[in-house]
Structure formats: C-alpha cells, structure tokens
Amino acid sequence: MKVLIIEDETAASENLIAMLQEIDPEIEILKVLESVQQTVRWLTSNPAPDLIFMDIHLSDGSAFTLFQEMEVTVPIVFTTAYDQYALDAFTVNSVDYLLKPIKTSELERALDKFKRWTHSDVIDYLQRMMKMKPANTPIDYTTSLLVPVKDKLVPVSMDDVACIYSTDRKTHIYMKSGQMMIYNRSLDSIMSSLDPVRFFRANKQYIVARDCVKEIVVWFDSRLLVSMPIELPEPLFISKNKAAEFKNWMTMG
C-alpha cells in the first residue's frame, strides 16, 4: 500500500509513520507534505497513492481548499484535533476521521475500513452522522477551564483569557489581568473545544482571544505582528500563509 501524508506538524507526521509501519511494515510512505499548494503540485506530477492521510489545518490554510483547486479521487483518512469537520470530510471521499492523539486501534480500524469501504458505506455513515447531529444543533463550546494549582483545581473563565501559549511541552494561560497559569493540555486539545469566533490558533505557540488584539503590524516579510495589552513571553506572529485568514477572523460579525 502506497500512502501520502499531508501534515504540517513534524511530531504528528513522525508518530503517524511509526504507527503505520508498526501495523504493516509493507506500507510505503511516498511523501510527507505540509501545505495545500505542495499537495496540489505533488498530486499533479506524481502517480496517485493508494491512500492519503490528511490533517485539516495545514500551513497555508484548510485542507478542504484542496478540493476546490483540483479533483481528488484518492480515498482519504482525515487526522485532526477538531471534531466539527466530520460531516464536511465525508463529502470529499473520506473513509475515516481520526481525532488526535491517534490511537493504534483506531488507525488499524481505518486501514481495515479502507480495504473494504464502498460508496454505499460512505453514504450510510454520512446519513447516520447527520441524524446524530442535526445541522441546526448549537455547539457547546468550552466557557471555562479547570486549572490545577498545587492541590486544587481553579476554574478559569474563557472571558478572562487573553491568550494561551505553549512551548517545551508546557502550556501557559495568560489572563487579561497579566496573571499566568500553567495548564496540562496541548493547544490542539484546547482549541478543539473553543469557540472559533472568539479564539484563533495564531501559530504553533499561540491561541489568541479576539477581544485582546490591541494592534496588528504588517512585518517586512508579510507576516503580521500582533500586539496585546499584556506582556507576552515572545512576539506573536501570524505567518504570511495565515495572514488573510486572521484578518478575516478579526473582521467577522
């Protein structure tokens, strides 16, 4: 089986490769790509793989834009920390939708499903998903976090959070008051439960609250430098590839 991996986080792609090779040593990893545009170029100049593993949030935007730029007929297993795109995934020949962190048992199930998946299976699964979660069902986003402080759990309202910062496997919550608290969840895990209208995954280090963006400066390489009313551990940059998405987010109703 020849597999293409589309994932912009090195640790995630390396973990996926290790798991695939453990499950089936005969699986051949053709390439690891990090963006939609890299994927378009690769698919148009190389023979199609048997199966694609694809993250949804890539370095230059949403993976779903790939299907607007070209026709993709290869079966896809989506791998993401966000569960709200499941229905969208099954409109673009997805055979499975795995939430990070991926478990070996779930990956084995996806590979097995790929070997026996039919179009009628996809339709049936999509219909069951739509019954479970009607289109107009409101989403319950996280409004507070329980942060461990010594031997206690302290409730922290998301209304009081300015940004969340992560590096060296530690996550820090920065409050609008300037207070900092250490938290034990990854940014992917936190962001998956937050309201995307109020919070934005700025880069691999930051989640930022929209009402705490004080100023945006266009940097020399088309990146955006975001200023906030509190002191940050390091400058908060928005990459050139995410600049348009960020500006749209800032101006949404």
Protein backbone atom coordinates (compact mmCIF):
# COMPACT_ATOMS: atom_id res chain seq x y z
CA MET A 1 0.00 0.00 0.00
CA LYS A 2 1.38 3.40 -1.04
CA VAL A 3 0.50 6.21 1.34
CA LEU A 4 0.77 10.01 1.12
CA ILE A 5 0.81 12.00 4.37
CA ILE A 6 -0.27 15.65 4.47
CA GLU A 7 0.59 17.08 7.88
CA ASP A 8 2.36 20.31 8.88
CA GLU A 9 3.44 19.21 12.37
CA THR A 10 6.64 17.15 12.29
CA ALA A 11 5.93 15.30 15.53
CA ALA A 12 2.48 14.29 14.31
CA SER A 13 3.74 13.01 10.94
CA GLU A 14 6.61 11.09 12.53
CA ASN A 15 4.22 9.50 15.02
CA LEU A 16 1.81 8.52 12.25
CA ILE A 17 4.62 6.99 10.17
CA ALA A 18 5.84 4.94 13.14
CA MET A 19 2.33 3.66 13.85
CA LEU A 20 1.68 2.75 10.20
CA GLN A 21 4.96 0.86 9.90
CA GLU A 22 4.27 -0.97 13.14
CA ILE A 23 0.82 -2.04 11.91
CA ASP A 24 2.03 -3.02 8.44
CA PRO A 25 5.76 -2.87 7.56
CA GLU A 26 4.88 -3.17 3.87
CA ILE A 27 3.20 0.24 3.82
CA GLU A 28 5.27 2.61 1.69
CA ILE A 29 5.29 6.29 2.67
CA LEU A 30 5.63 8.14 -0.62
CA LYS A 31 5.96 11.66 0.77
CA VAL A 32 5.11 13.93 3.69
CA LEU A 33 3.69 17.29 2.60
CA GLU A 34 2.89 20.32 4.76
CA SER A 35 0.53 22.51 2.72
CA VAL A 36 -2.33 22.57 0.24
CA GLN A 37 -0.14 24.01 -2.51
CA GLN A 38 2.58 21.38 -2.01
CA THR A 39 -0.14 18.74 -2.27
CA VAL A 40 -1.57 20.19 -5.48
CA ARG A 41 1.88 20.22 -7.09
CA TRP A 42 2.72 16.70 -5.91
CA LEU A 43 -0.57 15.12 -6.99
CA THR A 44 -0.40 16.72 -10.42
CA SER A 45 3.14 15.49 -11.11
CA ASN A 46 3.17 12.02 -9.48
CA PRO A 47 1.18 8.78 -9.74
CA ALA A 48 -1.73 8.71 -7.29
CA PRO A 49 -1.15 6.96 -3.94
CA ASP A 50 -3.48 4.26 -2.68
CA LEU A 51 -4.47 6.24 0.41
CA ILE A 52 -3.97 9.75 1.81
CA PHE A 53 -3.71 10.70 5.48
CA MET A 54 -4.54 14.40 5.76
CA ASP A 55 -4.64 16.91 8.60
CA ILE A 56 -7.30 19.61 8.19
CA HIS A 57 -5.37 22.65 9.42
CA LEU A 58 -2.29 22.95 7.19
CA SER A 59 0.45 25.56 6.97
CA ASP A 60 -1.36 27.53 4.24
CA GLY A 61 -4.97 27.05 5.30
CA SER A 62 -7.77 24.50 5.37
CA ALA A 63 -7.25 21.15 3.66
CA PHE A 64 -10.72 21.48 2.13
CA THR A 65 -9.42 24.16 -0.26
CA LEU A 66 -7.50 21.36 -1.99
CA PHE A 67 -10.79 20.03 -3.38
CA GLN A 68 -11.63 23.46 -4.77
CA GLU A 69 -8.39 23.54 -6.74
CA MET A 70 -8.38 20.02 -8.17
CA GLU A 71 -10.30 16.77 -8.34
CA VAL A 72 -9.06 14.22 -5.82
CA THR A 73 -10.26 10.65 -6.24
CA VAL A 74 -7.89 9.00 -3.78
CA PRO A 75 -9.52 7.75 -0.54
CA ILE A 76 -8.64 9.96 2.43
CA VAL A 77 -8.32 9.43 6.17
CA PHE A 78 -8.52 12.80 7.92
CA THR A 79 -6.40 13.25 11.06
CA THR A 80 -7.20 16.27 13.20
CA ALA A 81 -7.74 17.59 16.70
CA TYR A 82 -11.09 19.10 15.69
CA ASP A 83 -14.34 17.14 15.53
CA GLN A 84 -16.53 19.80 13.89
CA TYR A 85 -15.42 18.99 10.34
CA ALA A 86 -16.55 15.36 10.27
CA LEU A 87 -19.57 15.93 8.03
CA ASP A 88 -17.53 18.06 5.61
CA ALA A 89 -14.89 15.32 5.47
CA PHE A 90 -17.35 12.73 4.25
CA THR A 91 -18.37 14.89 1.29
CA VAL A 92 -14.86 14.58 -0.16
CA ASN A 93 -14.32 10.79 -0.37
CA SER A 94 -13.10 10.37 3.20
CA VAL A 95 -13.10 6.81 4.54
CA ASP A 96 -12.42 7.76 8.15
CA TYR A 97 -11.92 10.69 10.51
CA LEU A 98 -9.39 10.21 13.30
CA LEU A 99 -9.10 12.60 16.23
CA LYS A 100 -5.65 13.36 17.62
CA PRO A 101 -3.95 11.92 19.55
CA ILE A 102 -4.47 8.93 17.25
CA LYS A 103 -4.77 5.52 18.89
CA THR A 104 -3.27 2.44 17.26
CA SER A 105 -6.60 0.62 17.42
CA GLU A 106 -8.34 3.47 15.57
CA LEU A 107 -5.64 3.56 12.91
CA GLU A 108 -5.93 -0.19 12.40
CA ARG A 109 -9.69 0.19 12.07
CA ALA A 110 -9.25 2.92 9.44
CA LEU A 111 -6.86 0.78 7.40
CA ASP A 112 -9.22 -2.16 7.58
CA LYS A 113 -12.14 0.04 6.57
CA PHE A 114 -10.15 1.35 3.59
CA LYS A 115 -9.68 -2.19 2.32
CA ARG A 116 -13.42 -2.90 2.29
CA TRP A 117 -15.05 0.56 2.05
CA THR A 118 -17.67 1.09 -0.63
CA HIS A 119 -19.57 4.17 -1.78
CA SER A 120 -22.78 2.92 -0.14
CA ASP A 121 -20.87 2.61 3.15
CA VAL A 122 -19.88 6.28 2.91
CA ILE A 123 -23.47 7.38 2.23
CA ASP A 124 -24.81 5.26 5.09
CA TYR A 125 -22.22 6.61 7.53
CA LEU A 126 -22.89 10.21 6.49
CA GLN A 127 -26.63 9.78 6.97
CA ARG A 128 -26.10 8.35 10.46
CA MET A 129 -23.79 11.24 11.35
CA MET A 130 -26.41 13.77 10.22
CA LYS A 131 -29.08 12.09 12.36
CA MET A 132 -26.80 12.18 15.39
CA LYS A 133 -26.04 15.89 14.97
CA PRO A 134 -28.71 17.92 13.12
CA ALA A 135 -27.44 20.89 11.15
CA ASN A 136 -29.04 23.44 13.45
CA THR A 137 -27.86 21.89 16.70
CA PRO A 138 -25.91 24.51 18.66
CA ILE A 139 -22.33 23.63 19.60
CA ASP A 140 -21.40 23.76 23.27
CA TYR A 141 -18.03 25.47 23.40
CA THR A 142 -15.85 25.47 26.49
CA THR A 143 -16.57 28.51 28.67
CA SER A 144 -14.10 27.72 31.44
CA LEU A 145 -11.05 25.60 32.22
CA LEU A 146 -10.16 23.81 35.43
CA VAL A 147 -6.51 24.65 36.06
CA PRO A 148 -4.55 22.67 38.67
CA VAL A 149 -2.82 24.90 41.22
CA LYS A 150 -0.93 22.89 43.84
CA ASP A 151 -3.55 20.55 45.31
CA LYS A 152 -6.57 22.48 43.98
CA LEU A 153 -8.47 22.91 40.70
CA VAL A 154 -9.12 26.57 39.93
CA PRO A 155 -11.95 27.43 37.46
CA VAL A 156 -10.79 29.96 34.87
CA SER A 157 -13.38 31.68 32.70
CA MET A 158 -12.51 31.95 29.00
CA ASP A 159 -13.82 35.52 29.22
CA ASP A 160 -10.72 36.32 31.31
CA VAL A 161 -8.20 34.64 29.00
CA ALA A 162 -6.05 36.81 26.73
CA CYS A 163 -4.02 34.06 25.08
CA ILE A 164 -2.68 30.56 25.57
CA TYR A 165 0.98 29.88 24.89
CA SER A 166 2.80 26.59 24.57
CA THR A 167 6.45 25.61 24.22
CA ASP A 168 8.76 22.88 25.51
CA ARG A 169 5.71 20.71 26.21
CA LYS A 170 4.31 23.20 28.71
CA THR A 171 1.16 25.23 28.22
CA HIS A 172 0.66 28.64 29.83
CA ILE A 173 -2.62 30.52 30.15
CA TYR A 174 -2.18 34.29 30.14
CA MET A 175 -5.04 36.18 31.74
CA LYS A 176 -6.21 39.66 30.78
CA SER A 177 -5.01 40.74 34.22
CA GLY A 178 -1.47 39.69 33.28
CA GLN A 179 -1.50 36.63 35.54
CA MET A 180 -0.02 33.42 34.12
CA MET A 181 -1.14 29.89 34.96
CA ILE A 182 0.35 26.55 33.88
CA TYR A 183 -2.03 24.09 32.24
CA ASN A 184 -1.50 20.47 31.20
CA ARG A 185 -3.33 20.22 27.86
CA SER A 186 -1.93 20.74 24.37
CA LEU A 187 -3.01 23.68 22.21
CA ASP A 188 -4.66 21.29 19.75
CA SER A 189 -6.74 19.77 22.51
CA ILE A 190 -7.72 23.16 23.94
CA MET A 191 -8.54 24.77 20.59
CA SER A 192 -10.81 21.89 19.58
CA SER A 193 -13.28 22.91 22.30
CA LEU A 194 -13.13 26.71 21.95
CA ASP A 195 -15.46 29.00 20.03
CA PRO A 196 -13.58 29.74 16.74
CA VAL A 197 -15.30 33.14 16.56
CA ARG A 198 -13.65 34.21 19.84
CA PHE A 199 -10.34 32.35 19.67
CA PHE A 200 -7.80 31.85 16.89
CA ARG A 201 -4.90 29.40 16.56
CA ALA A 202 -2.33 32.00 15.59
CA ASN A 203 0.61 29.62 15.21
CA LYS A 204 2.17 26.58 16.86
CA GLN A 205 2.80 28.56 20.06
CA TYR A 206 -0.32 30.70 20.48
CA ILE A 207 -4.09 30.71 20.74
CA VAL A 208 -5.29 34.31 20.91
CA ALA A 209 -8.56 35.88 22.09
CA ARG A 210 -10.04 38.27 19.56
CA ASP A 211 -11.03 40.91 22.13
CA CYS A 212 -7.41 41.13 23.29
CA VAL A 213 -5.85 42.02 19.95
CA LYS A 214 -4.66 45.57 20.52
CA GLU A 215 -2.77 46.27 17.30
CA ILE A 216 -1.64 44.47 14.14
CA VAL A 217 1.58 45.46 12.41
CA VAL A 218 2.45 44.26 8.89
CA TRP A 219 6.00 42.89 9.12
CA PHE A 220 8.64 43.11 6.39
CA ASP A 221 8.02 39.53 5.13
CA SER A 222 4.20 39.92 5.04
CA ARG A 223 3.82 38.35 8.46
CA LEU A 224 1.58 40.07 10.98
CA LEU A 225 2.87 41.09 14.41
CA VAL A 226 0.05 41.08 16.95
CA SER A 227 0.24 43.37 19.98
CA MET A 228 -1.74 42.68 23.15
CA PRO A 229 -2.36 44.70 26.33
CA ILE A 230 -0.26 42.25 28.36
CA GLU A 231 3.41 41.25 28.22
CA LEU A 232 3.98 38.09 26.17
CA PRO A 233 6.81 35.55 26.53
CA GLU A 234 7.75 36.02 22.87
CA PRO A 235 6.44 38.03 19.90
CA LEU A 236 3.14 36.79 18.49
CA PHE A 237 3.47 36.47 14.71
CA ILE A 238 0.89 35.38 12.16
CA SER A 239 2.56 33.73 9.16
CA LYS A 240 2.11 35.06 5.64
CA ASN A 241 0.03 31.98 4.80
CA LYS A 242 -2.42 32.62 7.65
CA ALA A 243 -2.49 36.42 7.43
CA ALA A 244 -5.62 36.61 5.26
CA GLU A 245 -7.47 34.10 7.43
CA PHE A 246 -6.55 36.05 10.56
CA LYS A 247 -7.69 39.39 9.11
CA ASN A 248 -10.99 37.83 8.04
CA TRP A 249 -11.42 36.41 11.53
CA MET A 250 -10.79 39.81 13.09
CA THR A 251 -13.50 41.44 10.99
CA MET A 252 -16.18 38.76 11.11
CA GLY A 253 -19.54 39.73 12.54
